[in-house]
Amino acid sequence: MIFVTVGNANQGFGRLLQEVDRLAGEGLFGSEEVFMQIGHRPGFTPQHCTANAFLDGEEFQAKMHDATLIICHGGCTVLQAISLGKLPVVMPRMRGYKEHINDHQVLFVQTLAKKSRIIPAFEPAELKNAILTARQKGGRQTLPQSHSRIHDMIRQAIEDFAKTR
């Protein structure tokens, strides 16, 4: 299962959702299910994917764990995916598209991409190649997981946060 998540920001993230749905319609994912957590996106109904606005914490964690590929926004979800050993495809929300209040996600994605922890796609036109690259790598991290104290603290904070959702 491919898991697409846009988080819970109040702004919609149609750029990502529409392109994934289009690619699913082209057959990019074969017969594999594509499940989208679409957040605040009134009026958007995917034609080729299964969708839900929000998931409870347990359901969200199960989707993250079971996914063969995670496609997400550039927020905390990225750290959850990495902590599970996944290599997510990440499109940051951008201020210029009114998807967020600033461009902190762009900076975050650029930093993680330089460290080869994610596959970035800044625009919808880049998404297909990013997905193909991630699939070629099996959707898994190829770098050894860090076992630093700060990494353990971040992972624990993410796990604690997920339990409260």
N, C-alpha and C. Protein backbone atom coordinates (compact mmCIF):
# COMPACT_ATOMS: atom_id res chain seq x y z
N MET A 1 0.83 -1.18 0.00
CA MET A 1 0.00 0.00 0.00
C MET A 1 0.88 1.24 0.00
N ILE A 2 0.51 2.20 -0.84
CA ILE A 2 1.17 3.50 -0.87
C ILE A 2 0.38 4.40 0.08
N PHE A 3 1.07 5.07 1.00
CA PHE A 3 0.39 5.96 1.94
C PHE A 3 0.79 7.39 1.64
N VAL A 4 -0.20 8.23 1.37
CA VAL A 4 -0.01 9.65 1.10
C VAL A 4 -0.63 10.41 2.26
N THR A 5 0.13 11.31 2.86
CA THR A 5 -0.40 12.08 3.98
C THR A 5 0.04 13.54 3.86
N VAL A 6 -0.91 14.42 4.13
CA VAL A 6 -0.65 15.85 4.02
C VAL A 6 -0.66 16.55 5.38
N GLY A 7 -0.80 15.79 6.45
CA GLY A 7 -0.79 16.38 7.78
C GLY A 7 -2.10 17.06 8.13
N ASN A 8 -2.02 17.98 9.07
CA ASN A 8 -3.26 18.60 9.56
C ASN A 8 -3.27 20.13 9.48
N ALA A 9 -2.40 20.69 8.65
CA ALA A 9 -2.41 22.15 8.47
C ALA A 9 -3.77 22.57 7.93
N ASN A 10 -4.19 23.77 8.27
CA ASN A 10 -5.50 24.26 7.83
C ASN A 10 -5.58 24.51 6.33
N GLN A 11 -4.43 24.77 5.72
CA GLN A 11 -4.40 25.02 4.29
C GLN A 11 -4.44 23.69 3.53
N GLY A 12 -5.13 23.68 2.41
CA GLY A 12 -5.17 22.47 1.58
C GLY A 12 -3.82 22.22 0.91
N PHE A 13 -3.66 21.03 0.37
CA PHE A 13 -2.41 20.70 -0.32
C PHE A 13 -2.73 19.97 -1.63
N GLY A 14 -3.53 20.67 -2.44
CA GLY A 14 -4.00 20.12 -3.70
C GLY A 14 -2.90 19.75 -4.67
N ARG A 15 -1.78 20.49 -4.67
CA ARG A 15 -0.68 20.17 -5.60
C ARG A 15 -0.25 18.72 -5.45
N LEU A 16 -0.08 18.28 -4.24
CA LEU A 16 0.38 16.90 -4.00
C LEU A 16 -0.74 15.91 -4.28
N LEU A 17 -1.91 16.15 -3.73
CA LEU A 17 -3.01 15.19 -3.86
C LEU A 17 -3.44 14.99 -5.30
N GLN A 18 -3.59 16.06 -6.04
CA GLN A 18 -4.04 15.95 -7.42
C GLN A 18 -3.02 15.21 -8.29
N GLU A 19 -1.74 15.47 -8.05
CA GLU A 19 -0.72 14.81 -8.86
C GLU A 19 -0.62 13.33 -8.54
N VAL A 20 -0.70 12.96 -7.28
CA VAL A 20 -0.67 11.53 -6.93
C VAL A 20 -1.88 10.83 -7.54
N ASP A 21 -3.05 11.45 -7.46
CA ASP A 21 -4.24 10.85 -8.04
C ASP A 21 -4.09 10.69 -9.56
N ARG A 22 -3.53 11.70 -10.21
CA ARG A 22 -3.29 11.63 -11.65
C ARG A 22 -2.33 10.50 -12.00
N LEU A 23 -1.25 10.39 -11.23
CA LEU A 23 -0.26 9.33 -11.47
C LEU A 23 -0.86 7.95 -11.22
N ALA A 24 -1.72 7.84 -10.23
CA ALA A 24 -2.40 6.57 -9.98
C ALA A 24 -3.29 6.22 -11.18
N GLY A 25 -3.95 7.22 -11.75
CA GLY A 25 -4.78 7.00 -12.92
C GLY A 25 -3.98 6.56 -14.13
N GLU A 26 -2.73 7.01 -14.21
CA GLU A 26 -1.83 6.59 -15.30
C GLU A 26 -1.30 5.18 -15.09
N GLY A 27 -1.52 4.63 -13.90
CA GLY A 27 -1.05 3.28 -13.61
C GLY A 27 0.34 3.20 -13.01
N LEU A 28 0.86 4.31 -12.52
CA LEU A 28 2.22 4.33 -11.96
C LEU A 28 2.39 3.34 -10.81
N PHE A 29 1.34 3.11 -10.05
CA PHE A 29 1.44 2.24 -8.87
C PHE A 29 0.95 0.82 -9.14
N GLY A 30 0.64 0.52 -10.40
CA GLY A 30 0.14 -0.81 -10.73
C GLY A 30 -1.16 -1.09 -9.99
N SER A 31 -1.26 -2.29 -9.45
CA SER A 31 -2.48 -2.66 -8.73
C SER A 31 -2.40 -2.35 -7.23
N GLU A 32 -1.29 -1.76 -6.80
CA GLU A 32 -1.12 -1.45 -5.39
C GLU A 32 -2.07 -0.33 -4.96
N GLU A 33 -2.73 -0.51 -3.83
CA GLU A 33 -3.65 0.50 -3.31
C GLU A 33 -2.89 1.77 -2.95
N VAL A 34 -3.49 2.91 -3.24
CA VAL A 34 -2.96 4.20 -2.82
C VAL A 34 -3.99 4.79 -1.86
N PHE A 35 -3.58 4.97 -0.61
CA PHE A 35 -4.46 5.54 0.41
C PHE A 35 -3.98 6.95 0.74
N MET A 36 -4.90 7.90 0.68
CA MET A 36 -4.57 9.31 0.95
C MET A 36 -5.24 9.80 2.22
N GLN A 37 -4.46 10.44 3.08
CA GLN A 37 -5.00 11.21 4.20
C GLN A 37 -4.97 12.63 3.67
N ILE A 38 -6.16 13.19 3.34
CA ILE A 38 -6.22 14.43 2.57
C ILE A 38 -6.38 15.69 3.41
N GLY A 39 -6.61 15.57 4.69
CA GLY A 39 -6.68 16.74 5.56
C GLY A 39 -7.77 17.71 5.18
N HIS A 40 -7.48 18.99 5.33
CA HIS A 40 -8.44 20.05 5.05
C HIS A 40 -8.47 20.32 3.55
N ARG A 41 -9.21 19.52 2.86
CA ARG A 41 -9.30 19.66 1.40
C ARG A 41 -10.75 19.46 0.97
N PRO A 42 -11.63 20.38 1.37
CA PRO A 42 -13.04 20.22 1.00
C PRO A 42 -13.20 20.24 -0.52
N GLY A 43 -14.05 19.37 -0.99
CA GLY A 43 -14.32 19.32 -2.42
C GLY A 43 -13.39 18.43 -3.21
N PHE A 44 -12.31 17.96 -2.61
CA PHE A 44 -11.40 17.08 -3.34
C PHE A 44 -11.82 15.63 -3.12
N THR A 45 -12.11 14.95 -4.21
CA THR A 45 -12.42 13.52 -4.17
C THR A 45 -11.53 12.83 -5.17
N PRO A 46 -10.58 12.04 -4.71
CA PRO A 46 -9.70 11.36 -5.67
C PRO A 46 -10.47 10.37 -6.52
N GLN A 47 -10.06 10.24 -7.76
CA GLN A 47 -10.71 9.33 -8.70
C GLN A 47 -10.06 7.95 -8.72
N HIS A 48 -8.79 7.87 -8.30
CA HIS A 48 -8.04 6.63 -8.44
C HIS A 48 -7.43 6.13 -7.13
N CYS A 49 -7.75 6.79 -6.04
CA CYS A 49 -7.17 6.45 -4.73
C CYS A 49 -8.28 6.40 -3.68
N THR A 50 -8.01 5.70 -2.60
CA THR A 50 -8.89 5.69 -1.44
C THR A 50 -8.47 6.86 -0.56
N ALA A 51 -9.43 7.52 0.09
CA ALA A 51 -9.06 8.70 0.88
C ALA A 51 -9.91 8.83 2.13
N ASN A 52 -9.32 9.50 3.11
CA ASN A 52 -10.00 9.89 4.34
C ASN A 52 -9.39 11.23 4.75
N ALA A 53 -10.19 12.12 5.31
CA ALA A 53 -9.67 13.43 5.71
C ALA A 53 -8.60 13.28 6.80
N PHE A 54 -8.93 12.54 7.85
CA PHE A 54 -8.00 12.36 8.97
C PHE A 54 -8.09 10.93 9.49
N LEU A 55 -7.06 10.51 10.18
CA LEU A 55 -7.00 9.18 10.78
C LEU A 55 -6.70 9.36 12.26
N ASP A 56 -7.17 8.42 13.09
CA ASP A 56 -6.76 8.48 14.49
C ASP A 56 -5.31 8.01 14.58
N GLY A 57 -4.68 8.24 15.71
CA GLY A 57 -3.26 7.94 15.88
C GLY A 57 -2.89 6.51 15.58
N GLU A 58 -3.70 5.57 16.04
CA GLU A 58 -3.41 4.16 15.84
C GLU A 58 -3.49 3.78 14.36
N GLU A 59 -4.51 4.28 13.69
CA GLU A 59 -4.69 4.00 12.27
C GLU A 59 -3.55 4.62 11.45
N PHE A 60 -3.18 5.85 11.83
CA PHE A 60 -2.09 6.54 11.14
C PHE A 60 -0.80 5.74 11.26
N GLN A 61 -0.49 5.31 12.48
CA GLN A 61 0.73 4.53 12.70
C GLN A 61 0.72 3.23 11.92
N ALA A 62 -0.42 2.57 11.86
CA ALA A 62 -0.53 1.31 11.11
C ALA A 62 -0.27 1.55 9.62
N LYS A 63 -0.82 2.63 9.07
CA LYS A 63 -0.60 2.95 7.65
C LYS A 63 0.88 3.24 7.40
N MET A 64 1.49 4.01 8.30
CA MET A 64 2.92 4.32 8.16
C MET A 64 3.75 3.05 8.17
N HIS A 65 3.45 2.18 9.10
CA HIS A 65 4.20 0.94 9.26
C HIS A 65 4.03 0.01 8.07
N ASP A 66 2.81 -0.12 7.58
CA ASP A 66 2.50 -1.08 6.52
C ASP A 66 2.84 -0.59 5.12
N ALA A 67 3.02 0.69 4.94
CA ALA A 67 3.23 1.26 3.60
C ALA A 67 4.53 0.77 2.97
N THR A 68 4.44 0.44 1.68
CA THR A 68 5.65 0.13 0.93
C THR A 68 6.33 1.42 0.47
N LEU A 69 5.54 2.50 0.44
CA LEU A 69 6.07 3.82 0.08
C LEU A 69 5.22 4.87 0.78
N ILE A 70 5.88 5.87 1.35
CA ILE A 70 5.20 7.00 1.98
C ILE A 70 5.49 8.24 1.15
N ILE A 71 4.42 8.95 0.80
CA ILE A 71 4.52 10.22 0.10
C ILE A 71 3.88 11.24 1.03
N CYS A 72 4.63 12.28 1.39
CA CYS A 72 4.10 13.19 2.42
C CYS A 72 4.56 14.62 2.25
N HIS A 73 3.99 15.46 3.10
CA HIS A 73 4.38 16.87 3.21
C HIS A 73 5.70 16.95 3.98
N GLY A 74 6.26 18.14 4.09
CA GLY A 74 7.55 18.29 4.76
C GLY A 74 7.47 18.62 6.22
N GLY A 75 6.55 17.99 6.95
CA GLY A 75 6.40 18.23 8.38
C GLY A 75 6.92 17.07 9.21
N CYS A 76 6.39 16.94 10.41
CA CYS A 76 6.84 15.92 11.36
C CYS A 76 6.69 14.49 10.84
N THR A 77 5.78 14.29 9.92
CA THR A 77 5.58 12.95 9.35
C THR A 77 6.87 12.40 8.77
N VAL A 78 7.69 13.28 8.23
CA VAL A 78 8.96 12.86 7.64
C VAL A 78 9.82 12.14 8.68
N LEU A 79 9.90 12.71 9.87
CA LEU A 79 10.71 12.10 10.92
C LEU A 79 10.15 10.75 11.35
N GLN A 80 8.83 10.64 11.36
CA GLN A 80 8.21 9.35 11.69
C GLN A 80 8.58 8.31 10.64
N ALA A 81 8.51 8.68 9.37
CA ALA A 81 8.85 7.75 8.29
C ALA A 81 10.30 7.31 8.40
N ILE A 82 11.19 8.25 8.63
CA ILE A 82 12.62 7.92 8.75
C ILE A 82 12.85 7.01 9.94
N SER A 83 12.17 7.28 11.06
CA SER A 83 12.37 6.44 12.25
C SER A 83 11.89 5.01 12.02
N LEU A 84 11.00 4.80 11.03
CA LEU A 84 10.55 3.46 10.67
C LEU A 84 11.45 2.81 9.62
N GLY A 85 12.51 3.52 9.25
CA GLY A 85 13.43 2.99 8.25
C GLY A 85 12.96 3.18 6.82
N LYS A 86 11.93 4.02 6.64
CA LYS A 86 11.37 4.28 5.31
C LYS A 86 12.13 5.41 4.62
N LEU A 87 12.09 5.41 3.30
CA LEU A 87 12.66 6.47 2.49
C LEU A 87 11.49 7.21 1.83
N PRO A 88 10.96 8.23 2.48
CA PRO A 88 9.75 8.87 1.96
C PRO A 88 10.03 9.81 0.79
N VAL A 89 9.03 9.95 -0.05
CA VAL A 89 9.01 11.00 -1.07
C VAL A 89 8.33 12.18 -0.39
N VAL A 90 8.98 13.34 -0.42
CA VAL A 90 8.49 14.48 0.34
C VAL A 90 8.34 15.72 -0.54
N MET A 91 7.13 16.27 -0.53
CA MET A 91 6.87 17.55 -1.20
C MET A 91 6.54 18.56 -0.11
N PRO A 92 7.34 19.61 0.01
CA PRO A 92 7.06 20.60 1.04
C PRO A 92 5.89 21.50 0.67
N ARG A 93 5.13 21.85 1.69
CA ARG A 93 4.12 22.89 1.52
C ARG A 93 4.87 24.20 1.34
N MET A 94 4.35 25.08 0.49
CA MET A 94 5.04 26.34 0.20
C MET A 94 4.14 27.54 0.45
N ARG A 95 4.76 28.57 0.98
CA ARG A 95 4.05 29.82 1.24
C ARG A 95 3.51 30.43 -0.05
N GLY A 96 4.30 30.39 -1.11
CA GLY A 96 3.91 30.99 -2.39
C GLY A 96 2.63 30.41 -2.97
N TYR A 97 2.31 29.18 -2.61
CA TYR A 97 1.07 28.54 -3.06
C TYR A 97 -0.02 28.63 -1.99
N LYS A 98 0.26 29.37 -0.91
CA LYS A 98 -0.67 29.53 0.21
C LYS A 98 -0.99 28.20 0.89
N GLU A 99 0.03 27.32 0.93
CA GLU A 99 -0.11 26.01 1.57
C GLU A 99 0.39 26.03 3.01
N HIS A 100 1.09 27.10 3.36
CA HIS A 100 1.60 27.25 4.72
C HIS A 100 1.91 28.72 4.96
N ILE A 101 2.22 29.06 6.20
CA ILE A 101 2.45 30.47 6.54
C ILE A 101 3.87 30.94 6.21
N ASN A 102 4.80 29.99 6.01
CA ASN A 102 6.17 30.33 5.62
C ASN A 102 6.78 29.13 4.89
N ASP A 103 8.05 29.21 4.58
CA ASP A 103 8.71 28.14 3.81
C ASP A 103 9.63 27.26 4.65
N HIS A 104 9.30 27.07 5.92
CA HIS A 104 10.15 26.23 6.76
C HIS A 104 10.21 24.80 6.23
N GLN A 105 9.13 24.30 5.61
CA GLN A 105 9.16 22.94 5.09
C GLN A 105 10.14 22.81 3.92
N VAL A 106 10.28 23.86 3.12
CA VAL A 106 11.24 23.83 2.01
C VAL A 106 12.65 23.66 2.56
N LEU A 107 12.99 24.44 3.57
CA LEU A 107 14.33 24.35 4.17
C LEU A 107 14.57 22.98 4.81
N PHE A 108 13.56 22.47 5.47
CA PHE A 108 13.65 21.15 6.11
C PHE A 108 13.89 20.06 5.06
N VAL A 109 13.13 20.10 3.98
CA VAL A 109 13.26 19.11 2.91
C VAL A 109 14.63 19.22 2.24
N GLN A 110 15.10 20.42 1.99
CA GLN A 110 16.42 20.60 1.39
C GLN A 110 17.51 19.99 2.26
N THR A 111 17.42 20.20 3.56
CA THR A 111 18.41 19.67 4.50
C THR A 111 18.40 18.14 4.51
N LEU A 112 17.22 17.55 4.60
CA LEU A 112 17.13 16.08 4.63
C LEU A 112 17.52 15.46 3.30
N ALA A 113 17.23 16.14 2.21
CA ALA A 113 17.61 15.63 0.88
C ALA A 113 19.13 15.60 0.72
N LYS A 114 19.81 16.62 1.23
CA LYS A 114 21.27 16.66 1.17
C LYS A 114 21.89 15.49 1.92
N LYS A 115 21.19 15.01 2.95
CA LYS A 115 21.69 13.89 3.74
C LYS A 115 21.16 12.55 3.21
N SER A 116 20.46 12.58 2.08
CA SER A 116 19.90 11.38 1.43
C SER A 116 18.93 10.62 2.33
N ARG A 117 18.22 11.34 3.18
CA ARG A 117 17.24 10.70 4.07
C ARG A 117 15.85 10.66 3.47
N ILE A 118 15.63 11.47 2.41
CA ILE A 118 14.34 11.53 1.73
C ILE A 118 14.59 11.67 0.23
N ILE A 119 13.51 11.51 -0.54
CA ILE A 119 13.54 11.83 -1.96
C ILE A 119 12.62 13.05 -2.12
N PRO A 120 13.18 14.21 -2.48
CA PRO A 120 12.36 15.41 -2.55
C PRO A 120 11.65 15.56 -3.90
N ALA A 121 10.52 16.24 -3.86
CA ALA A 121 9.80 16.69 -5.05
C ALA A 121 9.22 18.04 -4.69
N PHE A 122 9.76 19.10 -5.22
CA PHE A 122 9.31 20.43 -4.86
C PHE A 122 8.09 20.87 -5.66
N GLU A 123 7.93 20.30 -6.83
CA GLU A 123 6.79 20.63 -7.71
C GLU A 123 6.15 19.34 -8.21
N PRO A 124 4.87 19.38 -8.57
CA PRO A 124 4.20 18.18 -9.07
C PRO A 124 4.91 17.50 -10.24
N ALA A 125 5.51 18.27 -11.11
CA ALA A 125 6.21 17.69 -12.26
C ALA A 125 7.39 16.81 -11.85
N GLU A 126 7.90 17.00 -10.63
CA GLU A 126 9.04 16.21 -10.13
C GLU A 126 8.61 14.94 -9.40
N LEU A 127 7.33 14.83 -9.14
CA LEU A 127 6.83 13.75 -8.29
C LEU A 127 7.02 12.36 -8.89
N LYS A 128 6.73 12.20 -10.16
CA LYS A 128 6.85 10.88 -10.79
C LYS A 128 8.27 10.35 -10.68
N ASN A 129 9.27 11.16 -11.03
CA ASN A 129 10.66 10.70 -10.94
C ASN A 129 11.07 10.42 -9.50
N ALA A 130 10.58 11.22 -8.56
CA ALA A 130 10.89 10.99 -7.15
C ALA A 130 10.32 9.65 -6.70
N ILE A 131 9.10 9.36 -7.11
CA ILE A 131 8.46 8.08 -6.75
C ILE A 131 9.22 6.92 -7.37
N LEU A 132 9.59 7.05 -8.64
CA LEU A 132 10.35 5.97 -9.30
C LEU A 132 11.69 5.74 -8.62
N THR A 133 12.35 6.81 -8.21
CA THR A 133 13.63 6.69 -7.50
C THR A 133 13.44 5.97 -6.17
N ALA A 134 12.43 6.38 -5.41
CA ALA A 134 12.17 5.74 -4.11
C ALA A 134 11.81 4.27 -4.30
N ARG A 135 11.01 3.96 -5.30
CA ARG A 135 10.63 2.56 -5.55
C ARG A 135 11.86 1.73 -5.95
N GLN A 136 12.73 2.33 -6.72
CA GLN A 136 13.96 1.64 -7.13
C GLN A 136 14.81 1.28 -5.91
N LYS A 137 14.75 2.12 -4.90
CA LYS A 137 15.50 1.88 -3.67
C LYS A 137 14.71 1.06 -2.66
N GLY A 138 13.55 0.59 -3.07
CA GLY A 138 12.72 -0.24 -2.20
C GLY A 138 11.98 0.52 -1.12
N GLY A 139 11.96 1.86 -1.20
CA GLY A 139 11.25 2.66 -0.20
C GLY A 139 11.87 2.59 1.18
N ARG A 140 13.10 2.11 1.28
CA ARG A 140 13.77 1.93 2.57
C ARG A 140 15.03 2.79 2.64
N GLN A 141 15.39 3.18 3.84
CA GLN A 141 16.62 3.93 4.07
C GLN A 141 17.82 3.05 3.73
N THR A 142 18.79 3.61 3.04
CA THR A 142 20.00 2.85 2.73
C THR A 142 21.16 3.24 3.65
N LEU A 143 21.00 4.36 4.35
CA LEU A 143 22.02 4.78 5.29
C LEU A 143 21.79 4.11 6.63
N PRO A 144 22.85 3.83 7.37
CA PRO A 144 22.64 3.25 8.70
C PRO A 144 21.89 4.23 9.59
N GLN A 145 21.00 3.70 10.39
CA GLN A 145 20.25 4.53 11.33
C GLN A 145 21.19 5.07 12.40
N SER A 146 21.01 6.33 12.72
CA SER A 146 21.81 6.94 13.77
C SER A 146 21.28 6.47 15.13
N HIS A 147 22.17 6.26 16.06
CA HIS A 147 21.74 5.85 17.39
C HIS A 147 22.20 6.88 18.43
N SER A 148 22.23 8.14 17.99
CA SER A 148 22.65 9.18 18.91
C SER A 148 21.54 9.44 19.93
N ARG A 149 21.91 10.07 21.01
CA ARG A 149 20.96 10.39 22.07
C ARG A 149 19.85 11.31 21.55
N ILE A 150 20.22 12.30 20.73
CA ILE A 150 19.22 13.22 20.21
C ILE A 150 18.24 12.49 19.29
N HIS A 151 18.74 11.56 18.49
CA HIS A 151 17.87 10.78 17.61
C HIS A 151 16.87 9.98 18.45
N ASP A 152 17.35 9.36 19.50
CA ASP A 152 16.47 8.59 20.38
C ASP A 152 15.42 9.49 21.04
N MET A 153 15.80 10.71 21.42
CA MET A 153 14.86 11.64 22.03
C MET A 153 13.79 12.07 21.02
N ILE A 154 14.20 12.34 19.79
CA ILE A 154 13.25 12.75 18.76
C ILE A 154 12.29 11.60 18.46
N ARG A 155 12.83 10.40 18.32
CA ARG A 155 11.99 9.24 18.03
C ARG A 155 10.97 9.04 19.16
N GLN A 156 11.40 9.16 20.41
CA GLN A 156 10.50 9.00 21.54
C GLN A 156 9.43 10.08 21.55
N ALA A 157 9.82 11.31 21.25
CA ALA A 157 8.84 12.40 21.20
C ALA A 157 7.80 12.15 20.12
N ILE A 158 8.23 11.67 18.96
CA ILE A 158 7.30 11.36 17.88
C ILE A 158 6.35 10.25 18.29
N GLU A 159 6.89 9.20 18.90
CA GLU A 159 6.04 8.10 19.33
C GLU A 159 5.03 8.55 20.39
N ASP A 160 5.48 9.38 21.33
CA ASP A 160 4.57 9.91 22.35
C ASP A 160 3.48 10.78 21.72
N PHE A 161 3.89 11.61 20.77
CA PHE A 161 2.92 12.48 20.09
C PHE A 161 1.89 11.64 19.34
N ALA A 162 2.34 10.61 18.64
CA ALA A 162 1.43 9.76 17.86
C ALA A 162 0.40 9.07 18.76
N LYS A 163 0.79 8.74 19.97
CA LYS A 163 -0.14 8.06 20.89
C LYS A 163 -1.26 8.98 21.36
N THR A 164 -1.00 10.31 21.33
CA THR A 164 -2.01 11.25 21.79
C THR A 164 -2.97 11.68 20.71
N ARG A 165 -2.71 11.30 19.47
CA ARG A 165 -3.57 11.73 18.35
C ARG A 165 -4.79 10.89 18.23
